[in-house]
Amino acid sequence: MEQFFQSSSFANTEKQLALGEGLFPFHTINHNQSLRSMDCTSQIIKTLKDKKFACARTKSDAIICNVFSPYSFLQCILILPTTKI
């Protein structure tokens, strides 16, 4: 039965992979690059560094829109003054 279900805890290598897959979309938007560049970058990383790395255009877009964007908007709301002019 255990072979069909994965454990809910993550190993250190899985955490490093998730960190890398979050870092590259951040790098892409930080340097104002196109998400299309992630298609190529993902393949290079997969070839040179980690065979399990999979963070091309679609996944990068999902990370940016569902993680970074809501967090950024929340930070703007908290930082901007709430006083009316």
N, C-alpha and C. Protein backbone atom coordinates (compact mmCIF):
# COMPACT_ATOMS: atom_id res chain seq x y z
N MET A 1 0.81 -1.18 0.00
CA MET A 1 0.00 0.00 0.00
C MET A 1 0.87 1.27 0.00
N GLU A 2 2.00 1.22 0.65
CA GLU A 2 2.87 2.39 0.76
C GLU A 2 3.45 2.81 -0.59
N GLN A 3 3.54 1.90 -1.54
CA GLN A 3 4.12 2.26 -2.83
C GLN A 3 3.18 3.14 -3.65
N PHE A 4 1.88 3.18 -3.32
CA PHE A 4 0.93 4.00 -4.06
C PHE A 4 0.75 5.40 -3.47
N PHE A 5 1.14 5.57 -2.22
CA PHE A 5 0.97 6.85 -1.55
C PHE A 5 2.32 7.41 -1.15
N GLN A 6 2.51 8.70 -1.43
CA GLN A 6 3.74 9.35 -1.03
C GLN A 6 3.58 9.88 0.39
N SER A 7 4.70 9.99 1.07
CA SER A 7 4.65 10.55 2.42
C SER A 7 4.40 12.05 2.34
N SER A 8 3.84 12.59 3.41
CA SER A 8 3.54 14.02 3.43
C SER A 8 4.76 14.87 3.80
N SER A 9 5.82 14.23 4.27
CA SER A 9 7.03 14.98 4.60
C SER A 9 7.96 15.00 3.40
N PHE A 10 8.76 16.06 3.32
CA PHE A 10 9.66 16.23 2.19
C PHE A 10 11.09 16.00 2.63
N ALA A 11 11.84 15.37 1.76
CA ALA A 11 13.26 15.17 2.02
C ALA A 11 14.01 16.46 1.69
N ASN A 12 15.24 16.54 2.11
CA ASN A 12 16.04 17.74 1.89
C ASN A 12 16.22 18.02 0.39
N THR A 13 16.39 16.98 -0.41
CA THR A 13 16.56 17.18 -1.85
C THR A 13 15.29 17.75 -2.49
N GLU A 14 14.13 17.31 -2.01
CA GLU A 14 12.87 17.84 -2.54
C GLU A 14 12.68 19.31 -2.15
N LYS A 15 13.13 19.67 -0.96
CA LYS A 15 13.05 21.07 -0.54
C LYS A 15 13.98 21.93 -1.38
N GLN A 16 15.18 21.43 -1.68
CA GLN A 16 16.12 22.17 -2.53
C GLN A 16 15.56 22.34 -3.94
N LEU A 17 14.92 21.31 -4.45
CA LEU A 17 14.31 21.38 -5.78
C LEU A 17 13.19 22.42 -5.80
N ALA A 18 12.34 22.41 -4.78
CA ALA A 18 11.25 23.38 -4.70
C ALA A 18 11.80 24.81 -4.56
N LEU A 19 12.87 24.95 -3.81
CA LEU A 19 13.50 26.26 -3.66
C LEU A 19 14.03 26.77 -5.01
N GLY A 20 14.67 25.90 -5.75
CA GLY A 20 15.18 26.28 -7.07
C GLY A 20 14.07 26.61 -8.04
N GLU A 21 12.98 25.85 -7.97
CA GLU A 21 11.86 26.10 -8.87
C GLU A 21 11.11 27.37 -8.51
N GLY A 22 11.27 27.87 -7.32
CA GLY A 22 10.71 29.16 -6.95
C GLY A 22 11.66 30.30 -7.21
N LEU A 23 12.95 30.01 -7.12
CA LEU A 23 13.97 31.04 -7.30
C LEU A 23 14.04 31.53 -8.75
N PHE A 24 13.95 30.66 -9.70
CA PHE A 24 14.11 31.08 -11.09
C PHE A 24 12.96 31.93 -11.62
N PRO A 25 11.70 31.68 -11.27
CA PRO A 25 10.67 32.65 -11.67
C PRO A 25 10.88 34.02 -11.02
N PHE A 26 11.35 34.03 -9.76
CA PHE A 26 11.65 35.30 -9.11
C PHE A 26 12.76 36.03 -9.85
N HIS A 27 13.79 35.31 -10.24
CA HIS A 27 14.89 35.90 -11.00
C HIS A 27 14.39 36.44 -12.33
N THR A 28 13.49 35.73 -12.96
CA THR A 28 12.94 36.14 -14.26
C THR A 28 12.19 37.46 -14.15
N ILE A 29 11.31 37.59 -13.15
CA ILE A 29 10.55 38.83 -13.03
C ILE A 29 11.41 39.95 -12.47
N ASN A 30 12.38 39.62 -11.64
CA ASN A 30 13.26 40.63 -11.06
C ASN A 30 14.10 41.32 -12.14
N HIS A 31 14.48 40.59 -13.17
CA HIS A 31 15.29 41.13 -14.26
C HIS A 31 14.46 41.45 -15.50
N ASN A 32 13.13 41.44 -15.34
CA ASN A 32 12.22 41.82 -16.41
C ASN A 32 12.45 40.99 -17.68
N GLN A 33 12.63 39.70 -17.50
CA GLN A 33 12.81 38.81 -18.64
C GLN A 33 11.48 38.18 -19.03
N SER A 34 11.42 37.68 -20.22
CA SER A 34 10.23 37.02 -20.72
C SER A 34 10.10 35.63 -20.09
N LEU A 35 8.87 35.20 -19.90
CA LEU A 35 8.66 33.84 -19.40
C LEU A 35 9.10 32.79 -20.41
N ARG A 36 9.18 33.18 -21.66
CA ARG A 36 9.66 32.24 -22.69
C ARG A 36 11.11 31.85 -22.46
N SER A 37 11.87 32.74 -21.80
CA SER A 37 13.26 32.40 -21.51
C SER A 37 13.36 31.23 -20.54
N MET A 38 12.31 31.01 -19.77
CA MET A 38 12.32 29.90 -18.81
C MET A 38 12.26 28.54 -19.50
N ASP A 39 11.71 28.49 -20.70
CA ASP A 39 11.71 27.23 -21.45
C ASP A 39 13.14 26.76 -21.70
N CYS A 40 13.98 27.69 -22.12
CA CYS A 40 15.37 27.37 -22.40
C CYS A 40 16.16 27.15 -21.11
N THR A 41 15.96 28.05 -20.14
CA THR A 41 16.68 27.96 -18.87
C THR A 41 16.39 26.66 -18.16
N SER A 42 15.14 26.25 -18.17
CA SER A 42 14.76 25.00 -17.52
C SER A 42 15.48 23.80 -18.13
N GLN A 43 15.60 23.79 -19.44
CA GLN A 43 16.30 22.70 -20.11
C GLN A 43 17.79 22.70 -19.79
N ILE A 44 18.38 23.87 -19.70
CA ILE A 44 19.81 23.97 -19.37
C ILE A 44 20.06 23.44 -17.95
N ILE A 45 19.23 23.87 -17.02
CA ILE A 45 19.39 23.41 -15.63
C ILE A 45 19.17 21.91 -15.54
N LYS A 46 18.17 21.43 -16.26
CA LYS A 46 17.89 20.01 -16.25
C LYS A 46 19.07 19.21 -16.79
N THR A 47 19.72 19.72 -17.81
CA THR A 47 20.85 19.03 -18.41
C THR A 47 22.10 19.10 -17.54
N LEU A 48 22.38 20.27 -17.01
CA LEU A 48 23.64 20.46 -16.29
C LEU A 48 23.58 20.13 -14.80
N LYS A 49 22.46 20.38 -14.15
CA LYS A 49 22.43 20.32 -12.69
C LYS A 49 21.53 19.23 -12.13
N ASP A 50 20.24 19.29 -12.45
CA ASP A 50 19.28 18.42 -11.79
C ASP A 50 18.26 17.90 -12.80
N LYS A 51 18.23 16.60 -12.96
CA LYS A 51 17.32 15.98 -13.93
C LYS A 51 15.85 16.19 -13.57
N LYS A 52 15.55 16.40 -12.29
CA LYS A 52 14.17 16.56 -11.85
C LYS A 52 13.65 17.99 -11.96
N PHE A 53 14.53 18.94 -12.28
CA PHE A 53 14.11 20.34 -12.36
C PHE A 53 13.12 20.50 -13.50
N ALA A 54 11.96 21.06 -13.17
CA ALA A 54 10.92 21.28 -14.18
C ALA A 54 10.20 22.57 -13.86
N CYS A 55 10.67 23.65 -14.42
CA CYS A 55 10.04 24.95 -14.15
C CYS A 55 10.14 25.80 -15.40
N ALA A 56 9.40 25.43 -16.42
CA ALA A 56 9.41 26.18 -17.67
C ALA A 56 8.36 27.29 -17.60
N ARG A 57 7.89 27.71 -18.72
CA ARG A 57 7.00 28.87 -18.82
C ARG A 57 5.70 28.71 -18.02
N THR A 58 5.03 27.59 -18.16
CA THR A 58 3.73 27.41 -17.52
C THR A 58 3.85 27.37 -16.00
N LYS A 59 4.78 26.62 -15.48
CA LYS A 59 4.96 26.53 -14.03
C LYS A 59 5.45 27.85 -13.47
N SER A 60 6.35 28.52 -14.19
CA SER A 60 6.83 29.83 -13.74
C SER A 60 5.68 30.83 -13.67
N ASP A 61 4.82 30.81 -14.67
CA ASP A 61 3.66 31.70 -14.68
C ASP A 61 2.75 31.41 -13.50
N ALA A 62 2.53 30.15 -13.20
CA ALA A 62 1.69 29.79 -12.06
C ALA A 62 2.30 30.24 -10.74
N ILE A 63 3.61 30.09 -10.59
CA ILE A 63 4.28 30.52 -9.36
C ILE A 63 4.20 32.04 -9.22
N ILE A 64 4.42 32.75 -10.31
CA ILE A 64 4.38 34.22 -10.26
C ILE A 64 2.97 34.72 -9.95
N CYS A 65 1.97 34.17 -10.64
CA CYS A 65 0.59 34.65 -10.47
C CYS A 65 -0.05 34.21 -9.16
N ASN A 66 0.30 33.03 -8.67
CA ASN A 66 -0.38 32.49 -7.49
C ASN A 66 0.40 32.63 -6.20
N VAL A 67 1.69 32.97 -6.27
CA VAL A 67 2.50 33.10 -5.06
C VAL A 67 3.06 34.51 -4.93
N PHE A 68 3.86 34.92 -5.89
CA PHE A 68 4.55 36.21 -5.78
C PHE A 68 3.59 37.39 -5.89
N SER A 69 2.67 37.34 -6.82
CA SER A 69 1.76 38.47 -7.03
C SER A 69 0.87 38.73 -5.82
N PRO A 70 0.17 37.72 -5.28
CA PRO A 70 -0.65 38.01 -4.08
C PRO A 70 0.18 38.51 -2.90
N TYR A 71 1.37 37.97 -2.72
CA TYR A 71 2.23 38.41 -1.64
C TYR A 71 2.65 39.87 -1.85
N SER A 72 3.00 40.23 -3.07
CA SER A 72 3.41 41.60 -3.37
C SER A 72 2.27 42.59 -3.13
N PHE A 73 1.07 42.23 -3.58
CA PHE A 73 -0.08 43.11 -3.37
C PHE A 73 -0.38 43.28 -1.88
N LEU A 74 -0.27 42.21 -1.12
CA LEU A 74 -0.49 42.28 0.32
C LEU A 74 0.52 43.21 0.98
N GLN A 75 1.79 43.10 0.57
CA GLN A 75 2.82 43.96 1.13
C GLN A 75 2.56 45.42 0.77
N CYS A 76 2.10 45.69 -0.44
CA CYS A 76 1.78 47.07 -0.83
C CYS A 76 0.63 47.62 0.01
N ILE A 77 -0.38 46.82 0.24
CA ILE A 77 -1.52 47.25 1.05
C ILE A 77 -1.07 47.55 2.47
N LEU A 78 -0.20 46.74 3.02
CA LEU A 78 0.25 46.95 4.39
C LEU A 78 1.19 48.15 4.52
N ILE A 79 1.95 48.44 3.49
CA ILE A 79 2.94 49.52 3.55
C ILE A 79 2.31 50.88 3.24
N LEU A 80 1.41 50.92 2.27
CA LEU A 80 0.82 52.20 1.88
C LEU A 80 -0.04 52.76 3.01
N PRO A 81 -0.02 54.05 3.19
CA PRO A 81 -0.83 54.63 4.26
C PRO A 81 -2.31 54.50 3.93
N THR A 82 -3.11 54.38 4.93
CA THR A 82 -4.55 54.20 4.73
C THR A 82 -5.32 55.50 4.95
N THR A 83 -4.63 56.60 5.09
CA THR A 83 -5.30 57.88 5.31
C THR A 83 -5.88 58.39 4.00
N LYS A 84 -7.00 59.09 4.12
CA LYS A 84 -7.65 59.68 2.95
C LYS A 84 -7.20 61.11 2.81
N ILE A 85 -7.14 61.56 1.57
CA ILE A 85 -6.71 62.95 1.31
C ILE A 85 -7.89 63.87 1.32
